[in-house]
Protein backbone atom coordinates (compact mmCIF):
# COMPACT_ATOMS: atom_id res chain seq x y z
CA UNK A 1 -13.99 44.67 -2.04
CA UNK A 2 -11.53 45.43 -4.81
CA UNK A 3 -8.69 44.00 -2.72
CA UNK A 4 -10.69 40.82 -2.01
CA UNK A 5 -11.43 40.43 -5.73
CA UNK A 6 -7.75 40.82 -6.59
CA UNK A 7 -6.79 38.23 -3.99
CA UNK A 8 -9.28 35.75 -5.43
CA UNK A 9 -7.95 36.35 -8.93
CA UNK A 10 -4.37 35.84 -7.71
CA UNK A 11 -5.36 32.62 -5.94
CA UNK A 12 -7.05 31.32 -9.09
CA UNK A 13 -4.03 32.18 -11.23
CA UNK A 14 -1.61 30.40 -8.89
CA UNK A 15 -3.88 27.36 -8.60
CA UNK A 16 -4.58 27.08 -12.33
CA UNK A 17 -1.34 25.21 -13.30
CA UNK A 18 -1.85 22.71 -10.45
CA UNK A 19 -5.50 22.17 -11.42
CA UNK A 20 -4.55 21.62 -15.07
CA UNK A 21 -1.82 19.15 -14.07
CA UNK A 22 -4.16 17.32 -11.69
CA UNK A 23 -6.88 17.07 -14.34
CA UNK A 24 -4.41 15.91 -17.01
CA UNK A 25 -2.79 13.22 -14.88
CA UNK A 26 -5.74 11.99 -12.80
CA UNK A 27 -9.21 13.22 -13.75
CA UNK A 28 -9.04 12.83 -17.54
CA UNK A 29 -7.44 9.32 -17.43
CA UNK A 30 -10.17 8.19 -15.00
CA UNK A 31 -12.89 9.33 -17.39
CA UNK A 32 -11.08 7.76 -20.35
CA UNK A 33 -10.70 4.45 -18.50
CA UNK A 34 -14.39 4.60 -17.55
CA UNK A 35 -15.26 4.93 -21.23
CA UNK A 36 -12.87 2.18 -22.33
CA UNK A 37 -14.31 -0.15 -19.68
CA UNK A 38 -17.60 -0.11 -21.57
CA UNK A 39 -15.96 -1.38 -24.76
CA UNK A 40 -14.78 -4.69 -26.15
CA UNK A 41 -11.53 -3.25 -27.50
CA UNK A 42 -8.13 -4.65 -28.39
CA UNK A 43 -6.43 -1.26 -28.42
CA UNK A 44 -6.04 -1.20 -32.21
CA UNK A 45 -9.30 -1.80 -34.02
CA UNK A 46 -12.53 0.05 -33.37
CA UNK A 47 -14.04 -0.80 -30.00
CA UNK A 48 -17.49 -2.34 -29.67
CA UNK A 49 -19.78 -0.92 -27.00
CA UNK A 50 -20.76 -3.72 -24.58
CA UNK A 51 -22.05 -1.71 -21.62
CA UNK A 52 -21.39 -3.32 -18.25
CA UNK A 53 -20.46 -6.72 -19.68
CA UNK A 54 -16.80 -6.30 -18.70
CA UNK A 55 -17.78 -5.64 -15.09
CA UNK A 56 -20.11 -8.64 -15.09
CA UNK A 57 -17.31 -10.83 -16.43
CA UNK A 58 -15.04 -9.66 -13.60
CA UNK A 59 -17.20 -11.46 -11.05
CA UNK A 60 -18.62 -14.32 -13.13
CA UNK A 61 -15.70 -15.56 -15.22
CA UNK A 62 -13.59 -18.19 -13.48
CA UNK A 63 -10.84 -17.83 -16.08
CA UNK A 64 -10.37 -14.13 -15.26
CA UNK A 65 -9.89 -14.84 -11.55
CA UNK A 66 -10.68 -11.31 -10.41
CA UNK A 67 -12.32 -12.31 -7.09
CA UNK A 68 -9.16 -14.23 -6.18
CA UNK A 69 -7.04 -11.15 -6.84
CA UNK A 70 -9.27 -9.12 -4.52
CA UNK A 71 -8.84 -11.81 -1.86
CA UNK A 72 -5.06 -11.67 -2.24
CA UNK A 73 -5.06 -7.88 -2.06
CA UNK A 74 -7.27 -7.90 1.04
CA UNK A 75 -4.95 -10.43 2.70
CA UNK A 76 -2.04 -8.09 2.00
CA UNK A 77 -4.09 -5.23 3.44
CA UNK A 78 -4.79 -7.19 6.63
CA UNK A 79 -1.15 -8.20 7.01
CA UNK A 80 -0.01 -4.63 6.40
CA UNK A 81 -2.49 -3.20 8.91
CA UNK A 82 -1.94 -5.70 11.71
CA UNK A 83 1.76 -6.51 11.26
CA UNK A 84 3.46 -3.66 9.40
CA UNK A 85 1.77 -0.75 11.19
CA UNK A 86 2.26 -2.08 14.76
CA UNK A 87 5.97 -2.58 14.00
CA UNK A 88 6.16 0.96 12.63
CA UNK A 89 4.33 2.31 15.67
CA UNK A 90 6.66 0.46 18.05
CA UNK A 91 9.80 1.88 16.43
CA UNK A 92 8.26 5.36 16.22
CA UNK A 93 7.48 5.41 19.94
CA UNK A 94 10.91 4.04 20.89
CA UNK A 95 12.80 6.53 18.71
CA UNK A 96 10.44 9.37 19.60
CA UNK A 97 11.45 9.14 23.26
CA UNK A 98 14.92 10.30 22.30
CA UNK A 99 17.46 7.48 22.14
CA UNK A 100 21.14 7.73 21.37
CA UNK A 101 21.67 7.86 17.60
CA UNK A 102 17.99 8.69 17.04
CA UNK A 103 18.50 10.50 13.71
CA UNK A 104 20.75 7.73 12.43
CA UNK A 105 18.17 5.01 13.11
CA UNK A 106 15.40 7.07 11.53
CA UNK A 107 17.51 7.46 8.38
CA UNK A 108 18.40 3.75 8.30
CA UNK A 109 14.76 2.66 8.59
CA UNK A 110 13.76 5.07 5.82
CA UNK A 111 16.47 3.99 3.34
CA UNK A 112 14.42 1.07 1.85
CA UNK A 113 11.70 3.56 0.89
CA UNK A 114 14.22 5.45 -1.25
CA UNK A 115 15.55 2.38 -3.06
CA UNK A 116 14.06 1.48 -6.43
CA UNK A 117 11.42 -1.24 -6.15
CA UNK A 118 13.05 -3.10 -9.03
CA UNK A 119 16.34 -3.20 -7.12
CA UNK A 120 14.54 -4.43 -4.01
CA UNK A 121 12.78 -7.10 -6.08
CA UNK A 122 16.07 -8.33 -7.50
CA UNK A 123 17.61 -8.37 -4.03
CA UNK A 124 14.81 -10.51 -2.61
CA UNK A 125 14.88 -12.80 -5.62
CA UNK A 126 18.43 -13.67 -4.54
CA UNK A 127 17.40 -14.00 -0.89
CA UNK A 128 14.59 -16.42 -1.79
CA UNK A 129 16.65 -18.39 -4.32
CA UNK A 130 16.07 -22.09 -3.46
CA UNK A 131 19.70 -23.06 -4.16
CA UNK A 132 21.89 -20.31 -2.73
CA UNK A 133 19.41 -17.90 -1.12
CA UNK A 134 20.06 -16.87 2.47
CA UNK A 135 16.66 -18.12 3.67
CA UNK A 136 17.12 -21.74 2.61
CA UNK A 137 20.84 -21.62 3.40
CA UNK A 138 20.04 -20.49 6.94
CA UNK A 139 17.47 -23.25 7.41
CA UNK A 140 19.92 -25.88 6.15
CA UNK A 141 22.60 -24.51 8.50
CA UNK A 142 20.18 -24.96 11.40
CA UNK A 143 19.38 -28.51 10.28
CA UNK A 144 15.86 -27.60 9.20
CA UNK A 145 16.10 -28.89 5.66
CA UNK A 146 12.48 -30.02 5.77
CA UNK A 147 11.39 -26.37 6.08
CA UNK A 148 13.14 -25.21 2.90
CA UNK A 149 10.88 -24.19 0.01
CA UNK A 150 10.90 -22.69 -3.43
CA UNK A 151 9.39 -19.68 -1.70
CA UNK A 152 8.30 -17.76 -4.78
CA UNK A 153 7.48 -20.86 -6.81
CA UNK A 154 4.96 -22.60 -4.55
CA UNK A 155 1.32 -21.60 -4.29
CA UNK A 156 1.23 -21.95 -0.50
CA UNK A 157 4.19 -19.63 0.15
CA UNK A 158 4.33 -17.17 -2.76
CA UNK A 159 1.93 -14.52 -1.40
CA UNK A 160 3.47 -14.46 2.08
CA UNK A 161 6.97 -14.43 0.56
CA UNK A 162 5.96 -11.36 -1.43
CA UNK A 163 4.59 -9.65 1.69
CA UNK A 164 7.91 -9.76 3.55
CA UNK A 165 9.71 -7.41 1.10
CA UNK A 166 6.67 -5.10 1.10
CA UNK A 167 6.82 -4.97 4.91
CA UNK A 168 10.58 -4.39 4.83
CA UNK A 169 10.33 -1.59 2.27
CA UNK A 170 7.47 0.42 3.76
CA UNK A 171 7.76 -0.09 7.51
CA UNK A 172 10.13 2.87 7.55
CA UNK A 173 7.67 5.04 5.63
CA UNK A 174 4.90 4.56 8.18
CA UNK A 175 7.40 4.80 11.02
CA UNK A 176 8.54 8.24 9.80
CA UNK A 177 4.96 9.52 9.71
CA UNK A 178 4.28 8.24 13.23
CA UNK A 179 7.69 9.42 14.46
CA UNK A 180 6.86 12.95 13.32
CA UNK A 181 3.59 12.67 15.24
CA UNK A 182 5.33 11.46 18.39
CA UNK A 183 7.83 14.33 18.23
CA UNK A 184 4.96 16.82 17.91
CA UNK A 185 3.46 15.73 21.25
CA UNK A 186 4.33 18.12 24.05
CA UNK A 187 7.05 16.71 26.36
CA UNK A 188 5.14 18.22 29.28
CA UNK A 189 2.46 15.54 28.94
CA UNK A 190 5.07 12.82 29.22
CA UNK A 191 6.75 14.45 32.19
CA UNK A 192 3.43 14.96 33.98
CA UNK A 193 2.54 11.30 33.45
CA UNK A 194 5.91 10.21 34.84
CA UNK A 195 5.41 12.36 37.93
CA UNK A 196 2.04 10.66 38.44
CA UNK A 197 3.82 7.28 38.34
CA UNK A 198 2.86 6.17 34.83
CA UNK A 199 4.97 3.44 33.24
CA UNK A 200 6.35 3.63 29.71
CA UNK A 201 3.59 1.27 28.57
CA UNK A 202 0.98 3.43 30.29
CA UNK A 203 2.29 6.59 28.65
CA UNK A 204 2.23 4.93 25.23
CA UNK A 205 -1.25 3.46 25.73
CA UNK A 206 -3.07 6.41 27.27
CA UNK A 207 -1.19 9.41 25.89
CA UNK A 208 0.95 8.73 22.82
CA UNK A 209 -1.28 6.34 20.86
CA UNK A 210 -4.55 8.28 21.41
CA UNK A 211 -2.86 11.49 20.25
CA UNK A 212 -1.50 9.66 17.20
CA UNK A 213 -4.92 8.47 16.02
CA UNK A 214 -5.16 10.97 13.13
CA UNK A 215 -1.77 9.82 11.81
CA UNK A 216 -2.57 6.16 12.44
CA UNK A 217 -5.76 6.65 10.42
CA UNK A 218 -3.74 8.02 7.50
CA UNK A 219 -1.29 5.12 7.77
CA UNK A 220 -4.14 2.60 7.74
CA UNK A 221 -5.59 4.25 4.63
CA UNK A 222 -2.18 4.18 2.94
CA UNK A 223 -1.64 0.53 3.92
CA UNK A 224 -5.04 -0.67 2.68
CA UNK A 225 -5.16 1.33 -0.54
CA UNK A 226 -1.50 0.55 -1.19
CA UNK A 227 -2.28 -3.16 -0.94
CA UNK A 228 -5.24 -2.82 -3.32
CA UNK A 229 -3.09 -1.13 -5.97
CA UNK A 230 0.17 -3.01 -5.27
CA UNK A 231 1.98 -3.91 -8.46
CA UNK A 232 5.68 -3.30 -8.98
CA UNK A 233 7.25 -5.52 -6.32
CA UNK A 234 4.81 -8.37 -7.01
CA UNK A 235 5.43 -8.04 -10.74
CA UNK A 236 9.20 -8.29 -10.29
CA UNK A 237 9.10 -11.19 -7.81
CA UNK A 238 6.35 -13.46 -9.18
CA UNK A 239 4.39 -11.65 -11.91
CA UNK A 240 1.29 -12.91 -10.12
CA UNK A 241 2.32 -16.57 -10.16
CA UNK A 242 2.59 -19.41 -9.62
CA UNK A 243 -0.87 -20.30 -10.96
CA UNK A 244 -2.17 -16.84 -9.93
CA UNK A 245 -1.33 -17.54 -6.27
CA UNK A 246 0.06 -14.01 -5.80
CA UNK A 247 -2.06 -12.31 -8.45
CA UNK A 248 -3.47 -8.93 -7.43
CA UNK A 249 -5.79 -6.61 -9.38
CA UNK A 250 -2.96 -4.50 -10.82
CA UNK A 251 -0.98 -7.46 -12.18
CA UNK A 252 -4.17 -8.94 -13.64
CA UNK A 253 -4.95 -5.58 -15.27
CA UNK A 254 -1.51 -5.39 -16.90
CA UNK A 255 -1.80 -9.02 -18.01
CA UNK A 256 -5.17 -8.38 -19.63
CA UNK A 257 -4.15 -5.15 -21.38
CA UNK A 258 -0.62 -5.93 -22.55
CA UNK A 259 -0.69 -9.73 -22.55
CA UNK A 260 -4.12 -10.45 -24.03
CA UNK A 261 -4.89 -7.09 -25.69
CA UNK A 262 -8.14 -6.77 -23.75
CA UNK A 263 -8.06 -3.03 -23.15
CA UNK A 264 -11.73 -2.79 -22.28
CA UNK A 265 -11.58 -5.56 -19.69
CA UNK A 266 -8.33 -4.20 -18.26
CA UNK A 267 -9.89 -0.73 -17.98
CA UNK A 268 -12.79 -2.26 -16.04
CA UNK A 269 -10.26 -3.68 -13.57
CA UNK A 270 -8.65 -0.23 -13.29
CA UNK A 271 -12.02 1.35 -12.47
CA UNK A 272 -12.68 -1.32 -9.84
CA UNK A 273 -9.28 -0.61 -8.24
CA UNK A 274 -10.14 3.11 -8.08
CA UNK A 275 -13.57 2.35 -6.64
CA UNK A 276 -12.22 -0.04 -3.99
CA UNK A 277 -9.47 2.38 -2.92
CA UNK A 278 -12.01 5.21 -2.61
CA UNK A 279 -14.52 3.00 -0.79
CA UNK A 280 -12.04 1.74 1.81
CA UNK A 281 -10.54 5.20 2.30
CA UNK A 282 -14.00 6.60 3.11
CA UNK A 283 -14.87 3.56 5.26
CA UNK A 284 -11.67 3.84 7.33
CA UNK A 285 -12.19 7.56 7.85
CA UNK A 286 -15.76 6.87 8.99
CA UNK A 287 -14.67 4.11 11.39
CA UNK A 288 -12.04 6.33 13.00
CA UNK A 289 -14.48 9.21 13.24
CA UNK A 290 -17.04 6.95 14.91
CA UNK A 291 -14.42 5.73 17.37
CA UNK A 292 -13.45 9.32 18.23
CA UNK A 293 -17.09 10.26 18.83
CA UNK A 294 -17.63 7.25 21.09
């Protein structure tokens, strides 16, 4: 019993710094934001308690535009889930089979994840430039001048133009997670399937993908929650414009807090982002668990 007690004390001592750091960085700010969200506060003068008025304004005020930001974030989540993740899965399966230069390709695909988002934003600003950007230049070269656009300056194209760099940056991240999962699958299963006459598509469909479901679930959670809290790349490329066409909750939050000095309202947006990320994370886990049971 004495040895068990000492082990528990040692575990608590080793965990204490991590718990303190976690509480300082995550738990305490969440509670502080929850309190600020109940105030009408400009960040300087004394705040006035208004209860849930900030949350009501989120969904009733047309000038705030919060529902539109949720729609934009959900569209990014759908595009990430049904375009980005299948591409990542495809590359993971191809590289996981063991191709020549496998490690090199894995490193190349992962490089964009390591690059600063600000640098990536500046790079794609040049690519989308309406005068000398490679996108419009390529279309003009092909004689498709009528398809050229001010990609980041038009309401119809801004959100999709922002999604392309997001896909480019993080496809390697999801691919690496899935690649690690593919490499962890026993080669004996693949060999047995080949002996039974299974095609590459059959092996991927009935062996590889089912065994990757736990990792795919994590990738879906990361893709959806990442879209809900997306900020940096959108801020650099469009700052939520034009006319809020690419506005997402995080850019609206920053605009409200630092642009309009509405700390209480901005904190309410922050709490909604946390709630939505938590809600969809739990929902996705439940959906995958239900599918596994069925």
